[in-house]
Amino acid sequence: MRTIGSWLPSVAWMAVIFYMSSRTGDDVGGWLDEVRRYVPMLESFDWGHFLSYFILSLTLLWGIRPKRVTLRIQLIVVLLCVLYGITDEYHQSFIPGRTPDAADIRNDAIGAALAMLAARIPACKKWFERRADAKYY
């Protein structure tokens, strides 16, 4: 049960991403258009993908429960996020009004990489590492 419980946040967040990717093009619009209007230099940057994969990478690190947060583990987490992003884009190719986009995969990777950079902050790193020793019943 200990291992399953560690992975539940990742699986739940992947389900959220899958659900949001299942929305048609008309359902998605909205607030992202407002952000782009006020910050035009971020026209091709999708904050939804960035934030989704920022959170996904932290939940994956949570699931791995490393004794030490090493660069290798962080690269594996980013790679897993990029691979899931690729499957997400493939899934979107079947949704009316949605198309796969390499820029979305780029934004996914940026979100995951910046989350792993944040996980290198000593207090965050210690929090993830302490979790590896926690006992669950």
Foldseek 3Di string as FASTA:
>chain_A
DVLVVLLVVLVVLLVVLLVLLQDAQVVNDPPQVVVCVVVVVCVLADVVLLQSLLSNLVSVLSSVLDLFLDPVVLVVSLVVQLVSLVVSQVSSCPHHRGHRDVSSSVSSSNSSNVSSVVCPPVVNRVVSNVSSPDDDD
